[in-house]
């Protein structure tokens, strides 16, 4: 789900590649749009049209996907992982994670270790 892939608008592939490389940094839609040489509103429209989600939702999903990898593969705390993947607020991270994964980060980690 998170590849710069082929097809679609080249500027959106550029944006996705940029997001994948810089996901842990504070990223705004405006900053990503500038990377693509587009206005913020035009970028948001094109991104939604090409991916089916807003740039912010895509970035949150990318960060949560990376957090899942870290929860499974490291012993870092949820707070450390939250910061490492670009969420400034661990509480917001936990809420966003639960919305996306239907589990808290701690429960996700516990359940993923039970499967192994």
C-alpha atoms as a PDB file:
ATOM      1  CA  UNK A   1       0.000   0.000   0.000  1.00  0.00           C
ATOM      2  CA  UNK A   2       2.939   2.357   0.512  1.00  0.00           C
ATOM      3  CA  UNK A   3       4.943   2.398  -2.653  1.00  0.00           C
ATOM      4  CA  UNK A   4       5.711   5.163  -5.049  1.00  0.00           C
ATOM      5  CA  UNK A   5       4.748   2.562  -7.664  1.00  0.00           C
ATOM      6  CA  UNK A   6       3.991   3.122 -11.295  1.00  0.00           C
ATOM      7  CA  UNK A   7       1.013   4.756 -12.901  1.00  0.00           C
ATOM      8  CA  UNK A   8      -0.814   7.820 -11.693  1.00  0.00           C
ATOM      9  CA  UNK A   9       0.487  11.347 -11.629  1.00  0.00           C
ATOM     10  CA  UNK A  10       4.274  11.678 -11.492  1.00  0.00           C
ATOM     11  CA  UNK A  11       3.966  14.538  -8.999  1.00  0.00           C
ATOM     12  CA  UNK A  12       1.983  12.328  -6.641  1.00  0.00           C
ATOM     13  CA  UNK A  13       4.576   9.538  -6.969  1.00  0.00           C
ATOM     14  CA  UNK A  14       7.178  12.175  -6.067  1.00  0.00           C
ATOM     15  CA  UNK A  15       5.098  13.213  -3.043  1.00  0.00           C
ATOM     16  CA  UNK A  16       4.721   9.622  -1.840  1.00  0.00           C
ATOM     17  CA  UNK A  17       8.444   9.011  -2.227  1.00  0.00           C
ATOM     18  CA  UNK A  18       9.142  12.179  -0.262  1.00  0.00           C
ATOM     19  CA  UNK A  19       6.695  11.153   2.460  1.00  0.00           C
ATOM     20  CA  UNK A  20       8.267   7.705   2.709  1.00  0.00           C
ATOM     21  CA  UNK A  21      11.734   9.218   3.079  1.00  0.00           C
ATOM     22  CA  UNK A  22      10.769  11.994   5.519  1.00  0.00           C
ATOM     23  CA  UNK A  23       7.791  10.491   7.405  1.00  0.00           C
ATOM     24  CA  UNK A  24       9.451  10.968  10.815  1.00  0.00           C
ATOM     25  CA  UNK A  25       9.874  14.710  10.275  1.00  0.00           C
ATOM     26  CA  UNK A  26       7.179  17.294  10.925  1.00  0.00           C
ATOM     27  CA  UNK A  27       5.539  17.386   7.495  1.00  0.00           C
ATOM     28  CA  UNK A  28       2.806  19.736   6.398  1.00  0.00           C
ATOM     29  CA  UNK A  29       0.703  19.435   3.270  1.00  0.00           C
ATOM     30  CA  UNK A  30       2.187  22.769   2.230  1.00  0.00           C
ATOM     31  CA  UNK A  31       5.754  21.438   2.494  1.00  0.00           C
ATOM     32  CA  UNK A  32       4.946  18.282   0.523  1.00  0.00           C
ATOM     33  CA  UNK A  33       3.122  20.333  -2.123  1.00  0.00           C
ATOM     34  CA  UNK A  34       6.208  22.532  -2.552  1.00  0.00           C
ATOM     35  CA  UNK A  35       8.294  19.405  -3.200  1.00  0.00           C
ATOM     36  CA  UNK A  36       5.950  18.695  -6.104  1.00  0.00           C
ATOM     37  CA  UNK A  37       5.859  22.294  -7.343  1.00  0.00           C
ATOM     38  CA  UNK A  38       2.130  22.514  -6.723  1.00  0.00           C
ATOM     39  CA  UNK A  39      -0.106  24.791  -4.710  1.00  0.00           C
ATOM     40  CA  UNK A  40      -1.379  23.250  -1.506  1.00  0.00           C
ATOM     41  CA  UNK A  41      -4.979  23.070  -2.754  1.00  0.00           C
ATOM     42  CA  UNK A  42      -4.049  21.595  -6.157  1.00  0.00           C
ATOM     43  CA  UNK A  43      -1.763  19.059  -4.505  1.00  0.00           C
ATOM     44  CA  UNK A  44      -4.429  17.982  -1.996  1.00  0.00           C
ATOM     45  CA  UNK A  45      -6.948  17.545  -4.818  1.00  0.00           C
ATOM     46  CA  UNK A  46      -4.559  15.538  -7.021  1.00  0.00           C
ATOM     47  CA  UNK A  47      -3.394  13.413  -4.102  1.00  0.00           C
ATOM     48  CA  UNK A  48      -6.963  12.512  -3.139  1.00  0.00           C
ATOM     49  CA  UNK A  49      -7.820  11.753  -6.769  1.00  0.00           C
ATOM     50  CA  UNK A  50      -4.775   9.486  -7.200  1.00  0.00           C
ATOM     51  CA  UNK A  51      -4.750   7.676  -3.852  1.00  0.00           C
ATOM     52  CA  UNK A  52      -8.314   7.885  -2.562  1.00  0.00           C
ATOM     53  CA  UNK A  53      -7.207   9.497   0.715  1.00  0.00           C
ATOM     54  CA  UNK A  54      -6.021  12.906   1.854  1.00  0.00           C
ATOM     55  CA  UNK A  55      -2.272  13.551   2.153  1.00  0.00           C
ATOM     56  CA  UNK A  56      -2.588  13.831   5.949  1.00  0.00           C
ATOM     57  CA  UNK A  57      -4.440  10.529   6.264  1.00  0.00           C
ATOM     58  CA  UNK A  58      -1.895   8.835   3.994  1.00  0.00           C
ATOM     59  CA  UNK A  59       0.968  10.189   6.100  1.00  0.00           C
ATOM     60  CA  UNK A  60      -0.676   9.020   9.334  1.00  0.00           C
ATOM     61  CA  UNK A  61      -1.207   5.559   7.818  1.00  0.00           C
ATOM     62  CA  UNK A  62       2.419   5.425   6.684  1.00  0.00           C
ATOM     63  CA  UNK A  63       3.591   6.378  10.161  1.00  0.00           C
ATOM     64  CA  UNK A  64       1.369   3.750  11.778  1.00  0.00           C
ATOM     65  CA  UNK A  65       2.640   1.108   9.354  1.00  0.00           C
ATOM     66  CA  UNK A  66       6.209   1.989  10.345  1.00  0.00           C
ATOM     67  CA  UNK A  67       5.204   1.938  14.016  1.00  0.00           C
ATOM     68  CA  UNK A  68       3.816  -1.575  13.588  1.00  0.00           C
ATOM     69  CA  UNK A  69       7.215  -2.708  12.285  1.00  0.00           C
ATOM     70  CA  UNK A  70       8.937  -1.138  15.299  1.00  0.00           C
ATOM     71  CA  UNK A  71       6.447  -2.584  17.782  1.00  0.00           C
ATOM     72  CA  UNK A  72       7.091  -6.060  16.422  1.00  0.00           C
ATOM     73  CA  UNK A  73      10.824  -5.736  15.840  1.00  0.00           C
ATOM     74  CA  UNK A  74      12.078  -3.716  18.802  1.00  0.00           C
ATOM     75  CA  UNK A  75      11.675  -3.385  22.548  1.00  0.00           C
ATOM     76  CA  UNK A  76      11.324   0.413  22.337  1.00  0.00           C
ATOM     77  CA  UNK A  77       8.558   1.988  24.364  1.00  0.00           C
ATOM     78  CA  UNK A  78       5.357   3.139  22.697  1.00  0.00           C
ATOM     79  CA  UNK A  79       6.354   6.717  23.514  1.00  0.00           C
ATOM     80  CA  UNK A  80       9.755   6.266  21.815  1.00  0.00           C
ATOM     81  CA  UNK A  81       8.169   4.676  18.760  1.00  0.00           C
ATOM     82  CA  UNK A  82       5.560   7.409  18.582  1.00  0.00           C
ATOM     83  CA  UNK A  83       8.291  10.056  18.397  1.00  0.00           C
ATOM     84  CA  UNK A  84      10.445   8.004  16.018  1.00  0.00           C
ATOM     85  CA  UNK A  85       7.692   7.729  13.428  1.00  0.00           C
ATOM     86  CA  UNK A  86       6.788  11.411  13.574  1.00  0.00           C
ATOM     87  CA  UNK A  87       3.923  11.718  16.047  1.00  0.00           C
ATOM     88  CA  UNK A  88       4.619  14.560  18.438  1.00  0.00           C
ATOM     89  CA  UNK A  89       1.822  13.575  20.807  1.00  0.00           C
ATOM     90  CA  UNK A  90       1.909   9.969  22.101  1.00  0.00           C
ATOM     91  CA  UNK A  91      -1.770  10.153  23.068  1.00  0.00           C
ATOM     92  CA  UNK A  92      -2.757  11.195  19.532  1.00  0.00           C
ATOM     93  CA  UNK A  93      -0.537   8.397  18.213  1.00  0.00           C
ATOM     94  CA  UNK A  94      -2.305   5.824  20.391  1.00  0.00           C
ATOM     95  CA  UNK A  95      -5.737   7.042  19.265  1.00  0.00           C
ATOM     96  CA  UNK A  96      -4.730   7.088  15.589  1.00  0.00           C
ATOM     97  CA  UNK A  97      -3.151   3.639  15.930  1.00  0.00           C
ATOM     98  CA  UNK A  98      -6.291   2.216  17.529  1.00  0.00           C
ATOM     99  CA  UNK A  99      -8.487   3.731  14.775  1.00  0.00           C
ATOM    100  CA  UNK A 100      -6.316   2.222  12.038  1.00  0.00           C
ATOM    101  CA  UNK A 101      -5.387  -1.143  13.578  1.00  0.00           C
ATOM    102  CA  UNK A 102      -8.346  -1.724  15.940  1.00  0.00           C
ATOM    103  CA  UNK A 103      -5.914  -2.365  18.776  1.00  0.00           C
ATOM    104  CA  UNK A 104      -3.791  -0.283  21.098  1.00  0.00           C
ATOM    105  CA  UNK A 105      -0.052  -0.237  20.340  1.00  0.00           C
ATOM    106  CA  UNK A 106       0.661  -2.265  23.497  1.00  0.00           C
ATOM    107  CA  UNK A 107      -1.981  -4.880  22.671  1.00  0.00           C
ATOM    108  CA  UNK A 108      -0.756  -5.037  19.065  1.00  0.00           C
ATOM    109  CA  UNK A 109       2.770  -5.777  20.293  1.00  0.00           C
ATOM    110  CA  UNK A 110       1.537  -8.398  22.772  1.00  0.00           C
ATOM    111  CA  UNK A 111      -0.676 -10.088  20.159  1.00  0.00           C
ATOM    112  CA  UNK A 112       2.044 -10.085  17.481  1.00  0.00           C
ATOM    113  CA  UNK A 113       4.484 -11.805  19.849  1.00  0.00           C
ATOM    114  CA  UNK A 114       1.897 -14.434  20.736  1.00  0.00           C
ATOM    115  CA  UNK A 115       1.675 -15.468  17.056  1.00  0.00           C
ATOM    116  CA  UNK A 116       5.401 -16.172  16.663  1.00  0.00           C
END
